[in-house]
Every structure is written in C-alpha cells, then in structure tokens.
Protein backbone atom coordinates (compact mmCIF):
# COMPACT_ATOMS: atom_id res chain seq x y z
CA MET A 1 420.53 -47.15 213.14
CA TYR A 2 417.48 -45.72 214.79
CA TRP A 3 414.51 -47.72 216.03
CA LEU A 4 411.02 -46.81 215.00
CA LYS A 5 408.00 -47.55 217.14
CA PRO A 6 405.38 -49.77 215.59
CA ALA A 7 402.77 -47.75 213.75
CA VAL A 8 399.10 -48.46 214.28
CA ILE A 9 396.70 -48.04 211.40
CA LYS A 10 392.95 -48.29 211.85
CA CYS A 11 390.81 -49.70 209.08
CA ASN A 12 387.48 -47.91 209.47
CA SER A 13 385.38 -50.22 207.33
CA ALA A 14 386.04 -53.39 209.33
CA ASN A 15 387.08 -51.71 212.56
CA ILE A 16 390.27 -53.75 212.56
CA TYR A 17 393.55 -52.54 213.97
CA ILE A 18 396.68 -53.48 212.10
CA CYS A 19 400.04 -53.07 213.76
CA LEU A 20 402.94 -52.64 211.43
CA ASN A 21 406.48 -53.01 212.54
CA VAL A 22 408.06 -50.29 210.43
CA LYS A 23 411.62 -51.32 211.26
CA ARG A 24 410.95 -54.85 210.11
CA LEU A 25 409.36 -53.61 206.89
CA VAL A 26 412.31 -51.32 206.20
CA ASP A 27 414.66 -54.27 206.73
CA GLU A 28 412.60 -56.43 204.41
CA VAL A 29 412.67 -53.73 201.73
CA ARG A 30 416.46 -53.49 202.04
CA GLU A 31 416.75 -57.26 201.86
CA ILE A 32 414.57 -57.32 198.73
CA GLU A 33 416.66 -54.54 197.17
CA ASP A 34 419.85 -56.49 197.96
CA THR A 35 418.34 -59.61 196.44
CA ILE A 36 417.34 -57.70 193.30
CA TYR A 37 420.87 -56.29 193.01
CA LYS A 38 422.42 -59.75 193.39
CA LEU A 39 420.01 -61.23 190.87
CA GLN A 40 420.82 -58.45 188.40
CA GLU A 41 424.53 -59.21 188.83
CA ARG A 42 423.90 -62.91 188.22
CA LEU A 43 421.82 -62.05 185.15
CA MET A 44 424.65 -59.93 183.75
CA GLU A 45 427.12 -62.77 184.39
CA ALA A 46 424.79 -65.25 182.69
CA GLU A 47 424.35 -62.94 179.69
CA ASN A 48 428.13 -62.51 179.41
CA THR A 49 428.58 -66.28 179.60
CA LEU A 50 425.92 -66.74 176.93
CA GLN A 51 427.69 -64.24 174.66
CA THR A 52 430.98 -66.08 175.14
CA LEU A 53 429.33 -69.42 174.40
CA VAL A 54 427.68 -68.06 171.24
CA LYS A 55 431.04 -66.69 170.02
CA THR A 56 432.69 -70.04 170.78
CA LYS A 57 429.92 -71.88 168.93
CA VAL A 58 430.36 -69.66 165.86
CA THR A 59 434.11 -70.22 165.93
CA LEU A 60 433.70 -73.99 166.26
CA GLU A 61 431.13 -74.09 163.46
CA HIS A 62 433.51 -72.15 161.22
CA ASP A 63 436.41 -74.48 162.10
CA LEU A 64 434.21 -77.51 161.41
CA SER A 65 433.20 -76.07 158.05
CA VAL A 66 436.84 -75.48 157.10
CA LYS A 67 437.78 -79.03 158.13
CA ALA A 68 434.84 -80.52 156.24
CA ASN A 69 435.88 -78.58 153.14
CA SER A 70 439.48 -79.74 153.58
CA LEU A 71 438.35 -83.37 153.79
CA PHE A 72 436.19 -82.93 150.70
CA LEU A 73 439.11 -81.46 148.76
CA ASP A 74 441.41 -84.22 149.97
CA GLN A 75 439.00 -87.05 149.10
CA GLU A 76 437.51 -85.72 145.88
CA LYS A 77 440.31 -83.70 144.35
CA CYS A 78 443.57 -85.08 145.69
CA MET A 79 442.83 -88.80 146.08
CA SER A 80 442.85 -89.45 142.34
CA ILE A 81 446.25 -87.77 142.03
CA ARG A 82 447.60 -89.75 145.01
CA LYS A 83 446.45 -93.04 143.53
CA SER A 84 448.54 -92.40 140.44
CA PHE A 85 451.77 -92.13 142.49
CA PRO A 86 453.61 -95.29 143.40
CA SER A 87 453.43 -96.46 147.01
CA MET A 88 456.30 -95.99 149.46
CA PRO A 89 457.29 -99.67 149.54
CA ARG A 90 457.41 -99.65 145.73
CA LEU A 91 459.55 -96.51 145.78
CA VAL A 92 462.15 -98.06 148.07
CA GLY A 93 462.19 -101.27 146.03
CA TYR A 94 460.40 -103.77 148.30
CA THR A 95 457.74 -104.72 145.77
C-alpha cells in the first residue's frame, strides 16, 4: 500500500483552503464499497428466505384446504352412514 500526501485545493470564491486526506478518502470509499457488498449479500439472503417462506405458506395453505375438505366430507357425507352402523359395544354384545 502506498501513502499519498494530502492534497490541497483552493476555493477561489471564498479564498478558503481545504485539505483533503486522499488516503483516508480512498479507505472510506473501500469501506463503503465493502458495506454495499455485504448489504447486497444480506438482501439476497433475505430474498431467498422470503421465497422459501412464501413456498412454505402456499404448501401449508394447500394442506389446510385438503384437511378442511376432508373434515367436510367426513362430517357431511360419512357421518350419516356411520350413524346407521351399530356401535362397538353393541357389536360385542355389551348392550
């Protein structure tokens, strides 16, 4: 790594001298670039997690729909048939 001398820039309108530490600015730019890269990685991870959660939600909603339909069929269609069968105690002769 090489060291750069501070650069001096003169602002003619206000006659103000501004001293810039170029090395420090270069380091800050690198740090900002690293931060952007890390944030982009975290964003990709979050998007992947979101996709997984959405797929899981769809799967769970489908499973819930199937179970609700199964309960409906059991209660509405099969219960009347079950009521016509004798109970287990009656079948074994206890009643």
